[in-house]
Amino acid sequence: MEALAVLAGGAALLLGLCALLYSYSAAGPRCRNAVSLRGKTVLITGGNSGVGKATAVDLARRGARVILACRDKARGDSAVCDIRRESGNSEVILMILDLANLNSVRAFA
């Protein structure tokens, strides 16, 4: 019974190490660019989650005026609040845009 417990503990340790190594290798390098973007305006589609939101936070931290183009107003408003809080930049704006709808694209433009 003790041998089984030792084997299970070793397997758990090995699995944990594999997960740790995978997380370091899969995460990829972080952007270390610190160039100021004051006076610049950027437009990000899909900025309410995932890579778009992470990009918006980084650009806002560097001083850019960020316009989030999102389909869903509620999710967009939530993302704007999060990005403003994380970046300390109040120049984050939400504009509604559905790229599948040409009337929405015209209204956005």
PDB file of N, CA and C in Angstrom:
ATOM      1  N   MET A   1       0.814  -1.186   0.000  1.00  0.00           N
ATOM      2  CA  MET A   1       0.000   0.000   0.000  1.00  0.00           C
ATOM      3  C   MET A   1       0.869   1.265   0.000  1.00  0.00           C
ATOM      4  N   GLU A   2       1.970   1.223   0.763  1.00  0.00           N
ATOM      5  CA  GLU A   2       2.870   2.378   0.812  1.00  0.00           C
ATOM      6  C   GLU A   2       3.525   2.620  -0.546  1.00  0.00           C
ATOM      7  N   ALA A   3       3.867   1.550  -1.234  1.00  0.00           N
ATOM      8  CA  ALA A   3       4.494   1.682  -2.549  1.00  0.00           C
ATOM      9  C   ALA A   3       3.547   2.362  -3.530  1.00  0.00           C
ATOM     10  N   LEU A   4       2.260   2.058  -3.425  1.00  0.00           N
ATOM     11  CA  LEU A   4       1.263   2.670  -4.294  1.00  0.00           C
ATOM     12  C   LEU A   4       1.150   4.166  -4.010  1.00  0.00           C
ATOM     13  N   ALA A   5       1.216   4.550  -2.738  1.00  0.00           N
ATOM     14  CA  ALA A   5       1.150   5.962  -2.359  1.00  0.00           C
ATOM     15  C   ALA A   5       2.383   6.710  -2.870  1.00  0.00           C
ATOM     16  N   VAL A   6       3.542   6.088  -2.776  1.00  0.00           N
ATOM     17  CA  VAL A   6       4.777   6.708  -3.262  1.00  0.00           C
ATOM     18  C   VAL A   6       4.720   6.853  -4.777  1.00  0.00           C
ATOM     19  N   LEU A   7       4.220   5.840  -5.463  1.00  0.00           N
ATOM     20  CA  LEU A   7       4.088   5.875  -6.918  1.00  0.00           C
ATOM     21  C   LEU A   7       3.112   6.966  -7.353  1.00  0.00           C
ATOM     22  N   ALA A   8       1.995   7.082  -6.643  1.00  0.00           N
ATOM     23  CA  ALA A   8       1.003   8.115  -6.963  1.00  0.00           C
ATOM     24  C   ALA A   8       1.593   9.507  -6.721  1.00  0.00           C
ATOM     25  N   GLY A   9       2.341   9.660  -5.632  1.00  0.00           N
ATOM     26  CA  GLY A   9       2.985  10.946  -5.346  1.00  0.00           C
ATOM     27  C   GLY A   9       4.005  11.314  -6.410  1.00  0.00           C
ATOM     28  N   GLY A  10       4.784  10.329  -6.846  1.00  0.00           N
ATOM     29  CA  GLY A  10       5.767  10.580  -7.903  1.00  0.00           C
ATOM     30  C   GLY A  10       5.102  10.945  -9.210  1.00  0.00           C
ATOM     31  N   ALA A  11       4.004  10.280  -9.533  1.00  0.00           N
ATOM     32  CA  ALA A  11       3.265  10.581 -10.768  1.00  0.00           C
ATOM     33  C   ALA A  11       2.685  11.993 -10.702  1.00  0.00           C
ATOM     34  N   ALA A  12       2.159  12.379  -9.545  1.00  0.00           N
ATOM     35  CA  ALA A  12       1.600  13.725  -9.383  1.00  0.00           C
ATOM     36  C   ALA A  12       2.692  14.779  -9.529  1.00  0.00           C
ATOM     37  N   LEU A  13       3.859  14.523  -8.960  1.00  0.00           N
ATOM     38  CA  LEU A  13       4.975  15.452  -9.078  1.00  0.00           C
ATOM     39  C   LEU A  13       5.420  15.587 -10.521  1.00  0.00           C
ATOM     40  N   LEU A  14       5.514  14.477 -11.223  1.00  0.00           N
ATOM     41  CA  LEU A  14       5.910  14.493 -12.629  1.00  0.00           C
ATOM     42  C   LEU A  14       4.893  15.233 -13.479  1.00  0.00           C
ATOM     43  N   LEU A  15       3.617  15.004 -13.218  1.00  0.00           N
ATOM     44  CA  LEU A  15       2.568  15.702 -13.957  1.00  0.00           C
ATOM     45  C   LEU A  15       2.638  17.207 -13.702  1.00  0.00           C
ATOM     46  N   GLY A  16       2.882  17.594 -12.460  1.00  0.00           N
ATOM     47  CA  GLY A  16       3.003  19.012 -12.124  1.00  0.00           C
ATOM     48  C   GLY A  16       4.173  19.665 -12.832  1.00  0.00           C
ATOM     49  N   LEU A  17       5.315  18.977 -12.874  1.00  0.00           N
ATOM     50  CA  LEU A  17       6.479  19.516 -13.578  1.00  0.00           C
ATOM     51  C   LEU A  17       6.208  19.655 -15.074  1.00  0.00           C
ATOM     52  N   CYS A  18       5.526  18.669 -15.659  1.00  0.00           N
ATOM     53  CA  CYS A  18       5.183  18.743 -17.087  1.00  0.00           C
ATOM     54  C   CYS A  18       4.266  19.928 -17.357  1.00  0.00           C
ATOM     55  N   ALA A  19       3.282  20.148 -16.490  1.00  0.00           N
ATOM     56  CA  ALA A  19       2.363  21.268 -16.652  1.00  0.00           C
ATOM     57  C   ALA A  19       3.106  22.599 -16.541  1.00  0.00           C
ATOM     58  N   LEU A  20       4.051  22.676 -15.616  1.00  0.00           N
ATOM     59  CA  LEU A  20       4.836  23.895 -15.438  1.00  0.00           C
ATOM     60  C   LEU A  20       5.696  24.184 -16.661  1.00  0.00           C
ATOM     61  N   LEU A  21       6.363  23.172 -17.151  1.00  0.00           N
ATOM     62  CA  LEU A  21       7.189  23.341 -18.354  1.00  0.00           C
ATOM     63  C   LEU A  21       6.345  23.726 -19.557  1.00  0.00           C
ATOM     64  N   TYR A  22       5.172  23.130 -19.699  1.00  0.00           N
ATOM     65  CA  TYR A  22       4.291  23.462 -20.812  1.00  0.00           C
ATOM     66  C   TYR A  22       3.831  24.913 -20.723  1.00  0.00           C
ATOM     67  N   SER A  23       3.483  25.362 -19.529  1.00  0.00           N
ATOM     68  CA  SER A  23       2.999  26.739 -19.391  1.00  0.00           C
ATOM     69  C   SER A  23       4.085  27.751 -19.751  1.00  0.00           C
ATOM     70  N   TYR A  24       5.332  27.446 -19.409  1.00  0.00           N
ATOM     71  CA  TYR A  24       6.426  28.357 -19.770  1.00  0.00           C
ATOM     72  C   TYR A  24       6.691  28.353 -21.267  1.00  0.00           C
ATOM     73  N   SER A  25       6.622  27.201 -21.905  1.00  0.00           N
ATOM     74  CA  SER A  25       6.928  27.120 -23.329  1.00  0.00           C
ATOM     75  C   SER A  25       5.772  27.602 -24.186  1.00  0.00           C
ATOM     76  N   ALA A  26       4.534  27.398 -23.765  1.00  0.00           N
ATOM     77  CA  ALA A  26       3.372  27.773 -24.567  1.00  0.00           C
ATOM     78  C   ALA A  26       3.020  29.248 -24.424  1.00  0.00           C
ATOM     79  N   ALA A  27       3.427  29.863 -23.335  1.00  0.00           N
ATOM     80  CA  ALA A  27       3.059  31.258 -23.102  1.00  0.00           C
ATOM     81  C   ALA A  27       3.720  32.187 -24.103  1.00  0.00           C
ATOM     82  N   GLY A  28       4.870  31.836 -24.574  1.00  0.00           N
ATOM     83  CA  GLY A  28       5.566  32.682 -25.542  1.00  0.00           C
ATOM     84  C   GLY A  28       6.164  33.908 -24.875  1.00  0.00           C
ATOM     85  N   PRO A  29       6.932  34.654 -25.637  1.00  0.00           N
ATOM     86  CA  PRO A  29       7.567  35.842 -25.069  1.00  0.00           C
ATOM     87  C   PRO A  29       6.570  36.979 -24.872  1.00  0.00           C
ATOM     88  N   ARG A  30       6.813  37.789 -23.877  1.00  0.00           N
ATOM     89  CA  ARG A  30       5.977  38.954 -23.628  1.00  0.00           C
ATOM     90  C   ARG A  30       6.530  40.149 -24.398  1.00  0.00           C
ATOM     91  N   CYS A  31       5.631  41.027 -24.773  1.00  0.00           N
ATOM     92  CA  CYS A  31       6.039  42.257 -25.450  1.00  0.00           C
ATOM     93  C   CYS A  31       6.699  43.168 -24.422  1.00  0.00           C
ATOM     94  N   ARG A  32       7.904  43.580 -24.681  1.00  0.00           N
ATOM     95  CA  ARG A  32       8.623  44.448 -23.755  1.00  0.00           C
ATOM     96  C   ARG A  32       8.825  45.854 -24.330  1.00  0.00           C
ATOM     97  N   ASN A  33       8.093  46.157 -25.372  1.00  0.00           N
ATOM     98  CA  ASN A  33       8.196  47.461 -26.010  1.00  0.00           C
ATOM     99  C   ASN A  33       7.606  48.521 -25.083  1.00  0.00           C
ATOM    100  N   ALA A  34       8.359  49.557 -24.820  1.00  0.00           N
ATOM    101  CA  ALA A  34       7.910  50.609 -23.916  1.00  0.00           C
ATOM    102  C   ALA A  34       7.812  51.964 -24.618  1.00  0.00           C
ATOM    103  N   VAL A  35       7.763  51.952 -25.947  1.00  0.00           N
ATOM    104  CA  VAL A  35       7.674  53.197 -26.709  1.00  0.00           C
ATOM    105  C   VAL A  35       6.366  53.902 -26.361  1.00  0.00           C
ATOM    106  N   SER A  36       6.444  55.186 -26.081  1.00  0.00           N
ATOM    107  CA  SER A  36       5.251  55.963 -25.755  1.00  0.00           C
ATOM    108  C   SER A  36       4.374  56.110 -26.995  1.00  0.00           C
ATOM    109  N   LEU A  37       3.080  55.955 -26.809  1.00  0.00           N
ATOM    110  CA  LEU A  37       2.126  56.111 -27.904  1.00  0.00           C
ATOM    111  C   LEU A  37       1.218  57.317 -27.678  1.00  0.00           C
ATOM    112  N   ARG A  38       1.661  58.253 -26.860  1.00  0.00           N
ATOM    113  CA  ARG A  38       0.876  59.471 -26.619  1.00  0.00           C
ATOM    114  C   ARG A  38       0.639  60.186 -27.940  1.00  0.00           C
ATOM    115  N   GLY A  39      -0.597  60.623 -28.138  1.00  0.00           N
ATOM    116  CA  GLY A  39      -0.952  61.316 -29.376  1.00  0.00           C
ATOM    117  C   GLY A  39      -1.352  60.371 -30.502  1.00  0.00           C
ATOM    118  N   LYS A  40      -1.273  59.082 -30.278  1.00  0.00           N
ATOM    119  CA  LYS A  40      -1.651  58.091 -31.294  1.00  0.00           C
ATOM    120  C   LYS A  40      -3.035  57.536 -30.961  1.00  0.00           C
ATOM    121  N   THR A  41      -3.791  57.185 -31.993  1.00  0.00           N
ATOM    122  CA  THR A  41      -5.092  56.549 -31.831  1.00  0.00           C
ATOM    123  C   THR A  41      -5.042  55.184 -32.473  1.00  0.00           C
ATOM    124  N   VAL A  42      -5.520  54.173 -31.753  1.00  0.00           N
ATOM    125  CA  VAL A  42      -5.560  52.814 -32.288  1.00  0.00           C
ATOM    126  C   VAL A  42      -6.991  52.304 -32.250  1.00  0.00           C
ATOM    127  N   LEU A  43      -7.336  51.500 -33.241  1.00  0.00           N
ATOM    128  CA  LEU A  43      -8.656  50.886 -33.336  1.00  0.00           C
ATOM    129  C   LEU A  43      -8.475  49.387 -33.221  1.00  0.00           C
ATOM    130  N   ILE A  44      -9.182  48.777 -32.283  1.00  0.00           N
ATOM    131  CA  ILE A  44      -9.055  47.338 -32.055  1.00  0.00           C
ATOM    132  C   ILE A  44     -10.422  46.694 -32.203  1.00  0.00           C
ATOM    133  N   THR A  45     -10.527  45.743 -33.131  1.00  0.00           N
ATOM    134  CA  THR A  45     -11.752  44.964 -33.249  1.00  0.00           C
ATOM    135  C   THR A  45     -11.596  43.734 -32.361  1.00  0.00           C
ATOM    136  N   GLY A  46     -12.680  43.347 -31.725  1.00  0.00           N
ATOM    137  CA  GLY A  46     -12.623  42.186 -30.833  1.00  0.00           C
ATOM    138  C   GLY A  46     -11.825  42.450 -29.580  1.00  0.00           C
ATOM    139  N   GLY A  47     -11.843  43.673 -29.107  1.00  0.00           N
ATOM    140  CA  GLY A  47     -11.036  44.040 -27.949  1.00  0.00           C
ATOM    141  C   GLY A  47     -11.707  43.801 -26.612  1.00  0.00           C
ATOM    142  N   ASN A  48     -12.849  43.112 -26.615  1.00  0.00           N
ATOM    143  CA  ASN A  48     -13.531  42.897 -25.333  1.00  0.00           C
ATOM    144  C   ASN A  48     -13.108  41.603 -24.648  1.00  0.00           C
ATOM    145  N   SER A  49     -12.234  40.799 -25.311  1.00  0.00           N
ATOM    146  CA  SER A  49     -11.752  39.570 -24.668  1.00  0.00           C
ATOM    147  C   SER A  49     -10.496  39.071 -25.375  1.00  0.00           C
ATOM    148  N   GLY A  50      -9.820  38.162 -24.731  1.00  0.00           N
ATOM    149  CA  GLY A  50      -8.687  37.463 -25.342  1.00  0.00           C
ATOM    150  C   GLY A  50      -7.522  38.349 -25.726  1.00  0.00           C
ATOM    151  N   VAL A  51      -6.939  38.035 -26.884  1.00  0.00           N
ATOM    152  CA  VAL A  51      -5.755  38.738 -27.367  1.00  0.00           C
ATOM    153  C   VAL A  51      -6.054  40.207 -27.629  1.00  0.00           C
ATOM    154  N   GLY A  52      -7.242  40.502 -28.162  1.00  0.00           N
ATOM    155  CA  GLY A  52      -7.616  41.892 -28.426  1.00  0.00           C
ATOM    156  C   GLY A  52      -7.641  42.728 -27.167  1.00  0.00           C
ATOM    157  N   LYS A  53      -8.161  42.164 -26.089  1.00  0.00           N
ATOM    158  CA  LYS A  53      -8.222  42.905 -24.822  1.00  0.00           C
ATOM    159  C   LYS A  53      -6.826  43.096 -24.241  1.00  0.00           C
ATOM    160  N   ALA A  54      -5.999  42.069 -24.297  1.00  0.00           N
ATOM    161  CA  ALA A  54      -4.628  42.184 -23.797  1.00  0.00           C
ATOM    162  C   ALA A  54      -3.854  43.234 -24.592  1.00  0.00           C
ATOM    163  N   THR A  55      -4.074  43.273 -25.897  1.00  0.00           N
ATOM    164  CA  THR A  55      -3.425  44.277 -26.748  1.00  0.00           C
ATOM    165  C   THR A  55      -3.904  45.674 -26.377  1.00  0.00           C
ATOM    166  N   ALA A  56      -5.211  45.810 -26.166  1.00  0.00           N
ATOM    167  CA  ALA A  56      -5.775  47.112 -25.800  1.00  0.00           C
ATOM    168  C   ALA A  56      -5.194  47.613 -24.482  1.00  0.00           C
ATOM    169  N   VAL A  57      -5.039  46.716 -23.511  1.00  0.00           N
ATOM    170  CA  VAL A  57      -4.461  47.111 -22.217  1.00  0.00           C
ATOM    171  C   VAL A  57      -3.031  47.598 -22.406  1.00  0.00           C
ATOM    172  N   ASP A  58      -2.232  46.866 -23.184  1.00  0.00           N
ATOM    173  CA  ASP A  58      -0.833  47.254 -23.400  1.00  0.00           C
ATOM    174  C   ASP A  58      -0.739  48.601 -24.107  1.00  0.00           C
ATOM    175  N   LEU A  59      -1.526  48.790 -25.159  1.00  0.00           N
ATOM    176  CA  LEU A  59      -1.473  50.052 -25.894  1.00  0.00           C
ATOM    177  C   LEU A  59      -1.965  51.220 -25.042  1.00  0.00           C
ATOM    178  N   ALA A  60      -2.995  50.985 -24.235  1.00  0.00           N
ATOM    179  CA  ALA A  60      -3.498  52.036 -23.346  1.00  0.00           C
ATOM    180  C   ALA A  60      -2.463  52.384 -22.278  1.00  0.00           C
ATOM    181  N   ARG A  61      -1.758  51.374 -21.761  1.00  0.00           N
ATOM    182  CA  ARG A  61      -0.699  51.638 -20.774  1.00  0.00           C
ATOM    183  C   ARG A  61       0.372  52.537 -21.361  1.00  0.00           C
ATOM    184  N   ARG A  62       0.616  52.387 -22.644  1.00  0.00           N
ATOM    185  CA  ARG A  62       1.661  53.183 -23.286  1.00  0.00           C
ATOM    186  C   ARG A  62       1.156  54.543 -23.748  1.00  0.00           C
ATOM    187  N   GLY A  63      -0.104  54.875 -23.411  1.00  0.00           N
ATOM    188  CA  GLY A  63      -0.609  56.226 -23.634  1.00  0.00           C
ATOM    189  C   GLY A  63      -1.451  56.432 -24.865  1.00  0.00           C
ATOM    190  N   ALA A  64      -1.730  55.404 -25.624  1.00  0.00           N
ATOM    191  CA  ALA A  64      -2.527  55.569 -26.841  1.00  0.00           C
ATOM    192  C   ALA A  64      -3.996  55.790 -26.500  1.00  0.00           C
ATOM    193  N   ARG A  65      -4.685  56.493 -27.367  1.00  0.00           N
ATOM    194  CA  ARG A  65      -6.140  56.581 -27.305  1.00  0.00           C
ATOM    195  C   ARG A  65      -6.646  55.316 -27.972  1.00  0.00           C
ATOM    196  N   VAL A  66      -7.421  54.501 -27.269  1.00  0.00           N
ATOM    197  CA  VAL A  66      -7.850  53.191 -27.762  1.00  0.00           C
ATOM    198  C   VAL A  66      -9.346  53.212 -28.037  1.00  0.00           C
ATOM    199  N   ILE A  67      -9.713  52.836 -29.263  1.00  0.00           N
ATOM    200  CA  ILE A  67     -11.113  52.694 -29.638  1.00  0.00           C
ATOM    201  C   ILE A  67     -11.401  51.205 -29.782  1.00  0.00           C
ATOM    202  N   LEU A  68     -12.318  50.695 -28.951  1.00  0.00           N
ATOM    203  CA  LEU A  68     -12.724  49.299 -29.046  1.00  0.00           C
ATOM    204  C   LEU A  68     -13.945  49.207 -29.941  1.00  0.00           C
ATOM    205  N   ALA A  69     -13.853  48.426 -31.005  1.00  0.00           N
ATOM    206  CA  ALA A  69     -14.982  48.187 -31.894  1.00  0.00           C
ATOM    207  C   ALA A  69     -15.562  46.826 -31.541  1.00  0.00           C
ATOM    208  N   CYS A  70     -16.744  46.830 -30.913  1.00  0.00           N
ATOM    209  CA  CYS A  70     -17.357  45.591 -30.416  1.00  0.00           C
ATOM    210  C   CYS A  70     -18.799  45.486 -30.899  1.00  0.00           C
ATOM    211  N   ARG A  71     -19.292  44.253 -31.030  1.00  0.00           N
ATOM    212  CA  ARG A  71     -20.682  44.019 -31.410  1.00  0.00           C
ATOM    213  C   ARG A  71     -21.619  44.205 -30.236  1.00  0.00           C
ATOM    214  N   ASP A  72     -21.233  43.715 -29.079  1.00  0.00           N
ATOM    215  CA  ASP A  72     -22.098  43.678 -27.901  1.00  0.00           C
ATOM    216  C   ASP A  72     -21.774  44.843 -26.968  1.00  0.00           C
ATOM    217  N   LYS A  73     -22.754  45.731 -26.765  1.00  0.00           N
ATOM    218  CA  LYS A  73     -22.518  46.928 -25.947  1.00  0.00           C
ATOM    219  C   LYS A  73     -22.200  46.576 -24.498  1.00  0.00           C
ATOM    220  N   ALA A  74     -22.914  45.617 -23.930  1.00  0.00           N
ATOM    221  CA  ALA A  74     -22.691  45.262 -22.515  1.00  0.00           C
ATOM    222  C   ALA A  74     -21.283  44.709 -22.311  1.00  0.00           C
ATOM    223  N   ARG A  75     -20.864  43.783 -23.167  1.00  0.00           N
ATOM    224  CA  ARG A  75     -19.516  43.216 -23.032  1.00  0.00           C
ATOM    225  C   ARG A  75     -18.455  44.275 -23.341  1.00  0.00           C
ATOM    226  N   GLY A  76     -18.746  45.159 -24.281  1.00  0.00           N
ATOM    227  CA  GLY A  76     -17.813  46.232 -24.607  1.00  0.00           C
ATOM    228  C   GLY A  76     -17.638  47.205 -23.462  1.00  0.00           C
ATOM    229  N   ASP A  77     -18.755  47.589 -22.819  1.00  0.00           N
ATOM    230  CA  ASP A  77     -18.677  48.492 -21.662  1.00  0.00           C
ATOM    231  C   ASP A  77     -17.870  47.871 -20.526  1.00  0.00           C
ATOM    232  N   SER A  78     -18.080  46.584 -20.306  1.00  0.00           N
ATOM    233  CA  SER A  78     -17.325  45.883 -19.263  1.00  0.00           C
ATOM    234  C   SER A  78     -15.830  45.888 -19.582  1.00  0.00           C
ATOM    235  N   ALA A  79     -15.495  45.631 -20.840  1.00  0.00           N
ATOM    236  CA  ALA A  79     -14.087  45.617 -21.251  1.00  0.00           C
ATOM    237  C   ALA A  79     -13.463  47.006 -21.117  1.00  0.00           C
ATOM    238  N   VAL A  80     -14.198  48.041 -21.491  1.00  0.00           N
ATOM    239  CA  VAL A  80     -13.684  49.413 -21.377  1.00  0.00           C
ATOM    240  C   VAL A  80     -13.348  49.724 -19.921  1.00  0.00           C
ATOM    241  N   CYS A  81     -14.244  49.360 -18.999  1.00  0.00           N
ATOM    242  CA  CYS A  81     -13.982  49.599 -17.567  1.00  0.00           C
ATOM    243  C   CYS A  81     -12.740  48.845 -17.106  1.00  0.00           C
ATOM    244  N   ASP A  82     -12.627  47.574 -17.528  1.00  0.00           N
ATOM    245  CA  ASP A  82     -11.459  46.764 -17.152  1.00  0.00           C
ATOM    246  C   ASP A  82     -10.166  47.374 -17.690  1.00  0.00           C
ATOM    247  N   ILE A  83     -10.181  47.775 -18.947  1.00  0.00           N
ATOM    248  CA  ILE A  83      -8.968  48.311 -19.597  1.00  0.00           C
ATOM    249  C   ILE A  83      -8.572  49.639 -18.950  1.00  0.00           C
ATOM    250  N   ARG A  84      -9.555  50.490 -18.685  1.00  0.00           N
ATOM    251  CA  ARG A  84      -9.252  51.757 -18.010  1.00  0.00           C
ATOM    252  C   ARG A  84      -8.623  51.514 -16.643  1.00  0.00           C
ATOM    253  N   ARG A  85      -9.192  50.561 -15.893  1.00  0.00           N
ATOM    254  CA  ARG A  85      -8.691  50.262 -14.547  1.00  0.00           C
ATOM    255  C   ARG A  85      -7.275  49.680 -14.605  1.00  0.00           C
ATOM    256  N   GLU A  86      -7.050  48.730 -15.510  1.00  0.00           N
ATOM    257  CA  GLU A  86      -5.748  48.058 -15.588  1.00  0.00           C
ATOM    258  C   GLU A  86      -4.655  48.973 -16.133  1.00  0.00           C
ATOM    259  N   SER A  87      -5.018  49.859 -17.050  1.00  0.00           N
ATOM    260  CA  SER A  87      -4.001  50.678 -17.701  1.00  0.00           C
ATOM    261  C   SER A  87      -3.822  52.053 -17.058  1.00  0.00           C
ATOM    262  N   GLY A  88      -4.849  52.533 -16.365  1.00  0.00           N
ATOM    263  CA  GLY A  88      -4.786  53.878 -15.815  1.00  0.00           C
ATOM    264  C   GLY A  88      -5.026  54.946 -16.868  1.00  0.00           C
ATOM    265  N   ASN A  89      -5.468  54.564 -18.055  1.00  0.00           N
ATOM    266  CA  ASN A  89      -5.710  55.483 -19.164  1.00  0.00           C
ATOM    267  C   ASN A  89      -7.220  55.643 -19.329  1.00  0.00           C
ATOM    268  N   SER A  90      -7.702  56.874 -19.248  1.00  0.00           N
ATOM    269  CA  SER A  90      -9.143  57.120 -19.382  1.00  0.00           C
ATOM    270  C   SER A  90      -9.572  57.290 -20.842  1.00  0.00           C
ATOM    271  N   GLU A  91      -8.610  57.329 -21.743  1.00  0.00           N
ATOM    272  CA  GLU A  91      -8.931  57.512 -23.166  1.00  0.00           C
ATOM    273  C   GLU A  91      -9.182  56.175 -23.864  1.00  0.00           C
ATOM    274  N   VAL A  92     -10.102  55.397 -23.311  1.00  0.00           N
ATOM    275  CA  VAL A  92     -10.531  54.142 -23.917  1.00  0.00           C
ATOM    276  C   VAL A  92     -12.005  54.314 -24.248  1.00  0.00           C
ATOM    277  N   ILE A  93     -12.341  54.157 -25.523  1.00  0.00           N
ATOM    278  CA  ILE A  93     -13.674  54.472 -26.026  1.00  0.00           C
ATOM    279  C   ILE A  93     -14.294  53.234 -26.653  1.00  0.00           C
ATOM    280  N   LEU A  94     -15.590  53.054 -26.454  1.00  0.00           N
ATOM    281  CA  LEU A  94     -16.323  51.954 -27.085  1.00  0.00           C
ATOM    282  C   LEU A  94     -17.137  52.488 -28.252  1.00  0.00           C
ATOM    283  N   MET A  95     -17.035  51.811 -29.386  1.00  0.00           N
ATOM    284  CA  MET A  95     -17.895  52.085 -30.536  1.00  0.00           C
ATOM    285  C   MET A  95     -18.470  50.751 -30.996  1.00  0.00           C
ATOM    286  N   ILE A  96     -19.757  50.745 -31.288  1.00  0.00           N
ATOM    287  CA  ILE A  96     -20.437  49.515 -31.685  1.00  0.00           C
ATOM    288  C   ILE A  96     -20.171  49.257 -33.170  1.00  0.00           C
ATOM    289  N   LEU A  97     -19.752  48.020 -33.465  1.00  0.00           N
ATOM    290  CA  LEU A  97     -19.448  47.632 -34.839  1.00  0.00           C
ATOM    291  C   LEU A  97     -19.680  46.134 -35.012  1.00  0.00           C
ATOM    292  N   ASP A  98     -20.512  45.782 -35.995  1.00  0.00           N
ATOM    293  CA  ASP A  98     -20.714  44.392 -36.372  1.00  0.00           C
ATOM    294  C   ASP A  98     -20.199  44.253 -37.799  1.00  0.00           C
ATOM    295  N   LEU A  99     -19.050  43.632 -37.964  1.00  0.00           N
ATOM    296  CA  LEU A  99     -18.415  43.532 -39.275  1.00  0.00           C
ATOM    297  C   LEU A  99     -19.208  42.676 -40.261  1.00  0.00           C
ATOM    298  N   ALA A 100     -20.157  41.891 -39.790  1.00  0.00           N
ATOM    299  CA  ALA A 100     -20.990  41.081 -40.672  1.00  0.00           C
ATOM    300  C   ALA A 100     -22.171  41.867 -41.222  1.00  0.00           C
ATOM    301  N   ASN A 101     -22.374  43.089 -40.736  1.00  0.00           N
ATOM    302  CA  ASN A 101     -23.508  43.911 -41.127  1.00  0.00           C
ATOM    303  C   ASN A 101     -22.979  45.196 -41.785  1.00  0.00           C
ATOM    304  N   LEU A 102     -23.208  45.336 -43.093  1.00  0.00           N
ATOM    305  CA  LEU A 102     -22.676  46.511 -43.805  1.00  0.00           C
ATOM    306  C   LEU A 102     -23.280  47.821 -43.313  1.00  0.00           C
ATOM    307  N   ASN A 103     -24.529  47.800 -42.848  1.00  0.00           N
ATOM    308  CA  ASN A 103     -25.108  49.018 -42.287  1.00  0.00           C
ATOM    309  C   ASN A 103     -24.371  49.446 -41.023  1.00  0.00           C
ATOM    310  N   SER A 104     -23.960  48.475 -40.225  1.00  0.00           N
ATOM    311  CA  SER A 104     -23.179  48.768 -39.020  1.00  0.00           C
ATOM    312  C   SER A 104     -21.814  49.323 -39.390  1.00  0.00           C
ATOM    313  N   VAL A 105     -21.213  48.775 -40.425  1.00  0.00           N
ATOM    314  CA  VAL A 105     -19.905  49.262 -40.870  1.00  0.00           C
ATOM    315  C   VAL A 105     -20.011  50.698 -41.368  1.00  0.00           C
ATOM    316  N   ARG A 106     -21.063  50.994 -42.140  1.00  0.00           N
ATOM    317  CA  ARG A 106     -21.269  52.363 -42.645  1.00  0.00           C
ATOM    318  C   ARG A 106     -21.480  53.328 -41.491  1.00  0.00           C
ATOM    319  N   ALA A 107     -22.307  52.943 -40.523  1.00  0.00           N
ATOM    320  CA  ALA A 107     -22.584  53.805 -39.368  1.00  0.00           C
ATOM    321  C   ALA A 107     -21.303  54.041 -38.561  1.00  0.00           C
ATOM    322  N   PHE A 108     -20.495  52.996 -38.425  1.00  0.00           N
ATOM    323  CA  PHE A 108     -19.244  53.126 -37.699  1.00  0.00           C
ATOM    324  C   PHE A 108     -18.294  54.091 -38.400  1.00  0.00           C
ATOM    325  N   ALA A 109     -18.187  53.957 -39.716  1.00  0.00           N
ATOM    326  CA  ALA A 109     -17.272  54.809 -40.505  1.00  0.00           C
ATOM    327  C   ALA A 109     -17.714  56.256 -40.441  1.00  0.00           C
TER     328      ALA A 109
END
